[in-house]
């Protein structure tokens, strides 16, 4: 959760002199009172705002492999893959990419939500087919992933393909989720499960630290997203963050 701190006029002027970038927006408080929400940051904030203003939402396609799902995310003429599912399923990703009017050379990113075999099983096939793809995972999980290509560690707030990485440890120590604030969608890996129409937190049977996993669900509940896509279970196409908040309130 980001911390909010009030600063005085002198501190404000000092930060402006140092080239601090400012974003402000009007907000409405209780009883209709108006106010300003202000964010201070460096050139990284400036770049993020500029990118968000010009970025299109990704188009997401689910790739189902028996009991687990992976996802192909396409923006323009580029694509990213989130998780590679069970072994021997490289062709399924190729079919989705072809249907999108692209070839494997368009796949620039493979993001792994965690190290479990049902989420990294076809990585070798995918990387052999996608020569330009970079690979990403949470740092604490990388040592347990066998990859023919170097895996780049990513953490909370990192940007990959215009997507925001959300650190959600618990199911595994390095578990991450993938957030598209422009398209209002979240790919949750195994941070949550939506089986049989019942949304729950991480599956305790396969979770390393259940208390930590529950805290990660509460962290997700603080974000706003309309759609949610899971490693196990059906997507939620509308009102996803409200559904996550209801689960979080019971933990």
Foldseek 3Di string as FASTA:
>chain_A
DDDDDDDDPVVVVVLVVVQKDKDKDWDADPPRDIDIDMDTGHVVVVVLVVCLVPFDAWDKDWQDDPFFIKIWTDGDQAIETEFDFAAPCLVSVQVVQVVVVYALCRYAEYEYQAADRRRHHHQAVSCVRNVNYAYEWAPQHVVNHDHPDDYDHDEAQDADPQWGWHQQAWLHRTGIKIHNVSQQEIEREQLWAQPPNDIEGHDPVRTDHNVSSLVSLVVLLVDTGAKYHYGGHDIRRGPVSVVSVVNSVVD
